[in-house]
Amino acid sequence: MAKAMIASIRPIFLFAGFFLAFSAFSGGARAQVCNEDLAVFGKQRNSEIESLNSISKAHDNKLDPIAACPHLRKMKEIEAKMAAYMVKNKDWCNIPDDFLNNFKANSERTTKIAEQACALAAKAKQMQQNGGGGIGNLPPPPKLPAGPL
């Protein structure tokens, strides 16, 4: 009787085992796909950060807005795509709310920095086109009287 009962339950246990194995595998596969997708964004973002670091090192640890503007814009675009991916796949990738909120806040900071740097770059380019700007753009000093006073 016990053998008959086990024999009748065996297909249920097999099905349950396959179901658990499949759900564990698919969860791992989901995490792997998410990690791969986010790694692509991360590599692009890190490339832009390295470019910005090299610009900073070349200018005595100060960021040149003209050289940095294109890299900051690209980084802003990458972070926007990355944030959109994380929002869209939040549940699928098991992304915690705290992580997503922190990433969005950092992305907003990157956007502000990019806007400021690009605005400075536009002003600097305009000054260069208008004769160099700065002291060279001042009117000549007044002429002093010649001869005895």
Protein backbone atom coordinates (compact mmCIF):
# COMPACT_ATOMS: atom_id res chain seq x y z
CA MET A 1 0.00 0.00 0.00
CA ALA A 2 2.81 2.40 0.86
CA LYS A 3 4.51 1.61 -2.45
CA ALA A 4 1.30 2.34 -4.34
CA MET A 5 0.87 5.65 -2.54
CA ILE A 6 4.48 6.71 -3.22
CA ALA A 7 4.14 5.60 -6.83
CA SER A 8 1.05 7.76 -7.28
CA ILE A 9 2.70 10.80 -5.64
CA ARG A 10 6.02 10.41 -7.48
CA PRO A 11 4.86 12.35 -10.61
CA ILE A 12 3.78 15.23 -8.38
CA PHE A 13 7.18 15.32 -6.70
CA LEU A 14 8.91 15.15 -10.08
CA PHE A 15 6.78 18.01 -11.39
CA ALA A 16 7.44 20.05 -8.24
CA GLY A 17 11.16 19.37 -8.57
CA PHE A 18 11.20 20.43 -12.22
CA PHE A 19 9.18 23.53 -11.37
CA LEU A 20 11.57 24.56 -8.59
CA ALA A 21 14.60 23.88 -10.78
CA PHE A 22 13.09 25.86 -13.67
CA SER A 23 12.13 28.81 -11.50
CA ALA A 24 15.59 28.86 -9.90
CA PHE A 25 17.20 28.67 -13.34
CA SER A 26 14.98 31.36 -14.84
CA GLY A 27 15.60 33.66 -11.86
CA GLY A 28 19.33 33.17 -12.33
CA ALA A 29 18.98 33.71 -16.06
CA ARG A 30 17.00 36.91 -15.46
CA ALA A 31 19.65 38.20 -13.08
CA GLN A 32 22.37 37.30 -15.57
CA VAL A 33 20.63 39.13 -18.43
CA CYS A 34 20.08 42.19 -16.22
CA ASN A 35 23.70 42.14 -15.09
CA GLU A 36 24.92 41.86 -18.67
CA ASP A 37 22.72 44.73 -19.85
CA LEU A 38 23.71 46.96 -16.93
CA ALA A 39 27.37 46.03 -17.43
CA VAL A 40 27.23 47.42 -20.99
CA PHE A 41 25.87 50.72 -19.68
CA GLY A 42 28.43 50.67 -16.87
CA LYS A 43 31.35 50.21 -19.26
CA GLN A 44 30.17 53.12 -21.41
CA ARG A 45 29.71 55.30 -18.32
CA ASN A 46 33.13 54.34 -16.92
CA SER A 47 34.73 55.18 -20.26
CA GLU A 48 33.32 58.70 -20.07
CA ILE A 49 34.44 59.04 -16.45
CA GLU A 50 37.97 58.02 -17.45
CA SER A 51 37.94 60.61 -20.22
CA LEU A 52 36.82 63.28 -17.76
CA ASN A 53 39.54 62.24 -15.31
CA SER A 54 42.21 62.53 -18.01
CA ILE A 55 40.92 66.00 -18.97
CA SER A 56 41.05 67.01 -15.31
CA LYS A 57 44.61 65.70 -14.89
CA ALA A 58 45.75 67.57 -17.99
CA HIS A 59 44.43 70.85 -16.53
CA ASP A 60 45.88 70.72 -12.99
CA ASN A 61 42.90 68.77 -11.58
CA LYS A 62 40.42 71.30 -12.93
CA LEU A 63 37.81 70.33 -15.47
CA ASP A 64 38.06 72.28 -18.73
CA PRO A 65 34.42 72.96 -19.66
CA ILE A 66 35.10 73.06 -23.41
CA ALA A 67 36.78 69.65 -23.43
CA ALA A 68 34.46 68.15 -20.80
CA CYS A 69 31.11 69.21 -22.28
CA PRO A 70 30.81 66.43 -24.91
CA HIS A 71 31.81 63.76 -22.38
CA LEU A 72 29.37 65.06 -19.77
CA ARG A 73 26.57 65.14 -22.33
CA LYS A 74 27.36 61.55 -23.34
CA MET A 75 27.46 60.49 -19.70
CA LYS A 76 24.11 62.20 -19.12
CA GLU A 77 22.62 60.25 -22.05
CA ILE A 78 24.07 56.95 -20.81
CA GLU A 79 22.74 57.49 -17.30
CA ALA A 80 19.30 58.42 -18.67
CA LYS A 81 19.20 55.18 -20.69
CA MET A 82 20.44 53.23 -17.69
CA ALA A 83 17.79 54.75 -15.41
CA ALA A 84 15.05 54.06 -17.95
CA TYR A 85 16.21 50.43 -18.21
CA MET A 86 16.22 50.06 -14.42
CA VAL A 87 12.74 51.58 -14.07
CA LYS A 88 11.35 49.40 -16.85
CA ASN A 89 12.96 46.20 -15.52
CA LYS A 90 12.84 46.98 -11.79
CA ASP A 91 10.80 43.92 -10.87
CA TRP A 92 12.39 41.62 -13.45
CA CYS A 93 15.90 42.50 -12.27
CA ASN A 94 15.00 42.76 -8.57
CA ILE A 95 16.36 46.31 -8.28
CA PRO A 96 15.73 47.77 -4.81
CA ASP A 97 13.89 51.09 -4.56
CA ASP A 98 16.73 52.69 -2.58
CA PHE A 99 19.27 51.86 -5.27
CA LEU A 100 17.00 53.19 -8.01
CA ASN A 101 16.29 56.42 -6.12
CA ASN A 102 20.00 57.00 -5.41
CA PHE A 103 20.85 56.37 -9.05
CA LYS A 104 18.19 58.84 -10.19
CA ALA A 105 19.54 61.48 -7.78
CA ASN A 106 23.10 60.95 -9.06
CA SER A 107 21.84 61.12 -12.63
CA GLU A 108 20.16 64.46 -11.89
CA ARG A 109 23.46 65.78 -10.48
CA THR A 110 25.25 64.66 -13.63
CA THR A 111 22.64 66.48 -15.73
CA LYS A 112 23.13 69.72 -13.74
CA ILE A 113 26.92 69.50 -14.00
CA ALA A 114 26.68 68.85 -17.74
CA GLU A 115 24.37 71.84 -18.23
CA GLN A 116 26.69 74.12 -16.22
CA ALA A 117 29.85 72.94 -17.98
CA CYS A 118 28.28 73.24 -21.43
CA ALA A 119 26.96 76.73 -20.63
CA LEU A 120 30.47 77.78 -19.55
CA ALA A 121 31.93 76.17 -22.67
CA ALA A 122 29.50 78.12 -24.88
CA LYS A 123 30.43 81.38 -23.12
CA ALA A 124 34.14 80.64 -23.44
CA LYS A 125 33.81 79.86 -27.16
CA GLN A 126 31.82 83.05 -27.69
CA MET A 127 34.49 85.09 -25.89
CA GLN A 128 37.21 83.47 -28.01
CA GLN A 129 35.31 84.36 -31.19
CA ASN A 130 34.83 87.95 -30.02
CA GLY A 131 38.52 88.67 -29.70
CA GLY A 132 39.75 86.56 -26.86
CA GLY A 133 37.76 88.17 -24.07
CA GLY A 134 39.30 89.01 -20.75
CA ILE A 135 41.74 91.92 -20.43
CA GLY A 136 42.45 92.06 -24.14
CA ASN A 137 38.86 93.09 -24.72
CA LEU A 138 39.02 96.24 -22.55
CA PRO A 139 39.06 99.70 -24.11
CA PRO A 140 42.48 101.36 -24.34
CA PRO A 141 43.57 103.42 -21.30
CA PRO A 142 43.03 107.19 -21.51
CA LYS A 143 45.91 109.23 -23.01
CA LEU A 144 47.91 111.22 -20.57
CA PRO A 145 48.87 114.76 -21.51
CA ALA A 146 52.27 115.05 -23.13
CA GLY A 147 54.65 117.72 -22.11
CA PRO A 148 55.13 119.75 -18.94
CA LEU A 149 52.22 120.30 -16.62
